[in-house]
Structure formats: structure tokens, C-alpha cells
Amino acid sequence: MLGECTMIAAEDTRVTRRLLDHWGVTVRLISLHEHNEARAAADVLDVLVAGGDVALVSDAGTPRSEEHTSELQ
């Protein structure tokens, strides 16, 4: 499923990259956390506006939709 997305946004790309490499997933990976949310939100919106899909991967449990998307709302 992750391999079918246009982009993956992850809290910690170091951890997510290991998972993706293990499964051979080569989708674009960006970092999305509270310290870069404004910049990363612009990248996410660009993909969505273009008709793409973005997956959100969390290392610390299931994120609530409002945790990492305040810039997107």
C-alpha cells in the first residue's frame, strides 16, 4: 500500500526509511513534524492538488488527524 502512494510523510524519516528499504518501497519520503510543519505542509498540498496520494507514517503510535495537519486545515 505504501508503495502505491505518491509521497510518504513521516515523523522520523530515519526509522521509516529502514522500513521502506526493507520492503523495496522507493516512494518520495519527506519529514513532517512540529518543527517543519509549515514547509512540509506546502509539499503535501502540492502533491494532493496534483491528484496524488500522501501517506502519513508515525513512529510514536497512531497520530490524530489534527496533530500534524494544522497547517493543512
N, C-alpha and C. Protein backbone atom coordinates (compact mmCIF):
# COMPACT_ATOMS: atom_id res chain seq x y z
N MET A 1 0.82 -1.18 0.00
CA MET A 1 0.00 0.00 0.00
C MET A 1 0.87 1.26 0.00
N LEU A 2 1.93 1.31 0.81
CA LEU A 2 2.80 2.48 0.84
C LEU A 2 3.49 2.69 -0.50
N GLY A 3 3.78 1.61 -1.19
CA GLY A 3 4.44 1.71 -2.48
C GLY A 3 3.57 2.31 -3.57
N GLU A 4 2.27 2.41 -3.32
CA GLU A 4 1.35 2.96 -4.31
C GLU A 4 1.09 4.45 -4.11
N CYS A 5 1.59 5.02 -3.04
CA CYS A 5 1.39 6.45 -2.76
C CYS A 5 2.35 7.28 -3.60
N THR A 6 1.99 8.54 -3.77
CA THR A 6 2.86 9.48 -4.46
C THR A 6 3.99 9.93 -3.54
N MET A 7 3.66 10.10 -2.25
CA MET A 7 4.63 10.59 -1.27
C MET A 7 4.27 10.04 0.11
N ILE A 8 5.28 9.88 0.93
CA ILE A 8 5.09 9.46 2.32
C ILE A 8 5.66 10.54 3.21
N ALA A 9 4.86 10.99 4.17
CA ALA A 9 5.30 11.95 5.17
C ALA A 9 5.48 11.20 6.48
N ALA A 10 6.65 11.37 7.10
CA ALA A 10 6.97 10.62 8.31
C ALA A 10 7.54 11.53 9.38
N GLU A 11 7.25 11.20 10.63
CA GLU A 11 7.82 11.94 11.76
C GLU A 11 9.34 11.80 11.79
N ASP A 12 9.81 10.57 11.65
CA ASP A 12 11.25 10.30 11.70
C ASP A 12 11.62 9.50 10.46
N THR A 13 12.19 10.18 9.48
CA THR A 13 12.49 9.52 8.22
C THR A 13 13.56 8.45 8.36
N ARG A 14 14.41 8.54 9.38
CA ARG A 14 15.44 7.52 9.57
C ARG A 14 14.80 6.17 9.85
N VAL A 15 13.79 6.15 10.68
CA VAL A 15 13.10 4.90 11.03
C VAL A 15 12.27 4.42 9.85
N THR A 16 11.52 5.33 9.25
CA THR A 16 10.65 4.95 8.13
C THR A 16 11.46 4.49 6.93
N ARG A 17 12.59 5.13 6.67
CA ARG A 17 13.44 4.74 5.54
C ARG A 17 13.89 3.28 5.68
N ARG A 18 14.24 2.85 6.90
CA ARG A 18 14.63 1.44 7.10
C ARG A 18 13.50 0.50 6.73
N LEU A 19 12.29 0.84 7.14
CA LEU A 19 11.11 0.03 6.81
C LEU A 19 10.90 -0.01 5.30
N LEU A 20 10.95 1.15 4.67
CA LEU A 20 10.72 1.21 3.22
C LEU A 20 11.79 0.47 2.45
N ASP A 21 13.04 0.61 2.87
CA ASP A 21 14.14 -0.11 2.21
C ASP A 21 13.96 -1.62 2.34
N HIS A 22 13.54 -2.06 3.51
CA HIS A 22 13.32 -3.50 3.73
C HIS A 22 12.30 -4.05 2.75
N TRP A 23 11.25 -3.29 2.47
CA TRP A 23 10.18 -3.74 1.58
C TRP A 23 10.38 -3.29 0.13
N GLY A 24 11.47 -2.59 -0.16
CA GLY A 24 11.75 -2.17 -1.53
C GLY A 24 10.87 -1.04 -2.03
N VAL A 25 10.35 -0.24 -1.10
CA VAL A 25 9.49 0.89 -1.47
C VAL A 25 10.36 2.10 -1.77
N THR A 26 10.18 2.68 -2.95
CA THR A 26 11.02 3.80 -3.38
C THR A 26 10.25 5.10 -3.54
N VAL A 27 9.13 5.22 -2.88
CA VAL A 27 8.30 6.42 -2.93
C VAL A 27 9.03 7.59 -2.27
N ARG A 28 8.78 8.80 -2.75
CA ARG A 28 9.36 10.01 -2.15
C ARG A 28 8.97 10.09 -0.68
N LEU A 29 9.96 10.34 0.17
CA LEU A 29 9.77 10.40 1.62
C LEU A 29 10.16 11.79 2.12
N ILE A 30 9.26 12.42 2.86
CA ILE A 30 9.58 13.71 3.47
C ILE A 30 9.37 13.64 4.97
N SER A 31 10.03 14.52 5.67
CA SER A 31 9.89 14.63 7.12
C SER A 31 8.74 15.59 7.44
N LEU A 32 7.87 15.20 8.36
CA LEU A 32 6.76 16.06 8.78
C LEU A 32 6.63 15.96 10.29
N HIS A 33 7.00 17.03 10.97
CA HIS A 33 6.89 17.08 12.43
C HIS A 33 6.65 18.53 12.84
N GLU A 34 6.50 18.76 14.12
CA GLU A 34 6.12 20.08 14.60
C GLU A 34 7.12 21.18 14.25
N HIS A 35 8.37 20.84 13.99
CA HIS A 35 9.38 21.85 13.72
C HIS A 35 9.48 22.25 12.25
N ASN A 36 8.88 21.47 11.35
CA ASN A 36 8.94 21.82 9.93
C ASN A 36 7.57 21.79 9.27
N GLU A 37 6.55 21.85 10.08
CA GLU A 37 5.19 21.64 9.59
C GLU A 37 4.78 22.61 8.48
N ALA A 38 5.12 23.87 8.59
CA ALA A 38 4.70 24.84 7.57
C ALA A 38 5.31 24.51 6.21
N ARG A 39 6.60 24.21 6.19
CA ARG A 39 7.29 23.90 4.93
C ARG A 39 6.79 22.58 4.36
N ALA A 40 6.68 21.57 5.22
CA ALA A 40 6.26 20.25 4.76
C ALA A 40 4.81 20.26 4.28
N ALA A 41 3.97 21.06 4.93
CA ALA A 41 2.56 21.15 4.53
C ALA A 41 2.44 21.63 3.09
N ALA A 42 3.30 22.55 2.68
CA ALA A 42 3.27 23.04 1.30
C ALA A 42 3.59 21.91 0.33
N ASP A 43 4.55 21.05 0.66
CA ASP A 43 4.89 19.90 -0.19
C ASP A 43 3.71 18.92 -0.28
N VAL A 44 3.09 18.66 0.86
CA VAL A 44 1.93 17.75 0.90
C VAL A 44 0.80 18.31 0.04
N LEU A 45 0.50 19.58 0.20
CA LEU A 45 -0.58 20.20 -0.57
C LEU A 45 -0.30 20.17 -2.07
N ASP A 46 0.95 20.40 -2.46
CA ASP A 46 1.30 20.34 -3.88
C ASP A 46 0.98 18.97 -4.46
N VAL A 47 1.32 17.92 -3.73
CA VAL A 47 1.04 16.56 -4.21
C VAL A 47 -0.46 16.30 -4.28
N LEU A 48 -1.19 16.72 -3.25
CA LEU A 48 -2.64 16.48 -3.22
C LEU A 48 -3.36 17.27 -4.32
N VAL A 49 -2.98 18.52 -4.52
CA VAL A 49 -3.60 19.34 -5.56
C VAL A 49 -3.36 18.74 -6.94
N ALA A 50 -2.20 18.13 -7.12
CA ALA A 50 -1.87 17.50 -8.40
C ALA A 50 -2.57 16.14 -8.58
N GLY A 51 -3.36 15.73 -7.58
CA GLY A 51 -4.10 14.47 -7.67
C GLY A 51 -3.39 13.27 -7.10
N GLY A 52 -2.28 13.51 -6.39
CA GLY A 52 -1.52 12.41 -5.80
C GLY A 52 -2.05 11.99 -4.45
N ASP A 53 -1.42 10.97 -3.89
CA ASP A 53 -1.77 10.45 -2.57
C ASP A 53 -0.59 10.63 -1.63
N VAL A 54 -0.90 10.94 -0.37
CA VAL A 54 0.15 11.09 0.64
C VAL A 54 -0.21 10.20 1.83
N ALA A 55 0.75 9.38 2.24
CA ALA A 55 0.58 8.55 3.43
C ALA A 55 1.32 9.20 4.58
N LEU A 56 0.75 9.12 5.78
CA LEU A 56 1.39 9.64 6.99
C LEU A 56 1.82 8.46 7.84
N VAL A 57 3.13 8.40 8.15
CA VAL A 57 3.68 7.34 8.97
C VAL A 57 4.13 7.94 10.29
N SER A 58 3.68 7.33 11.39
CA SER A 58 4.03 7.80 12.72
C SER A 58 4.85 6.75 13.44
N ASP A 59 5.90 7.19 14.13
CA ASP A 59 6.73 6.27 14.91
C ASP A 59 6.19 6.06 16.31
N ALA A 60 5.44 7.02 16.80
CA ALA A 60 5.02 7.02 18.19
C ALA A 60 3.54 6.71 18.34
N GLY A 61 3.04 5.78 17.57
CA GLY A 61 1.63 5.43 17.68
C GLY A 61 0.81 6.10 16.60
N THR A 62 -0.46 5.89 16.63
CA THR A 62 -1.35 6.43 15.63
C THR A 62 -1.56 7.92 15.85
N PRO A 63 -1.23 8.75 14.86
CA PRO A 63 -1.43 10.19 15.03
C PRO A 63 -2.90 10.56 14.86
N ARG A 64 -3.31 11.56 15.59
CA ARG A 64 -4.64 12.12 15.35
C ARG A 64 -4.53 13.03 14.15
N SER A 65 -5.62 13.19 13.44
CA SER A 65 -5.57 13.99 12.21
C SER A 65 -5.14 15.43 12.48
N GLU A 66 -5.44 15.96 13.64
CA GLU A 66 -5.10 17.36 13.90
C GLU A 66 -3.67 17.55 14.40
N GLU A 67 -2.98 16.47 14.73
CA GLU A 67 -1.61 16.61 15.28
C GLU A 67 -0.64 17.19 14.27
N HIS A 68 -0.65 16.69 13.04
CA HIS A 68 0.35 17.10 12.04
C HIS A 68 -0.27 17.83 10.88
N THR A 69 -1.46 18.31 11.04
CA THR A 69 -2.11 18.90 9.88
C THR A 69 -2.65 20.30 10.13
N SER A 70 -2.24 20.94 11.20
CA SER A 70 -2.79 22.27 11.46
C SER A 70 -2.49 23.22 10.31
N GLU A 71 -1.34 23.07 9.65
CA GLU A 71 -1.01 23.91 8.52
C GLU A 71 -1.85 23.54 7.30
N LEU A 72 -2.39 22.33 7.27
CA LEU A 72 -3.18 21.88 6.13
C LEU A 72 -4.65 22.21 6.27
N GLN A 73 -5.10 22.54 7.46
CA GLN A 73 -6.52 22.79 7.69
C GLN A 73 -6.95 24.16 7.26
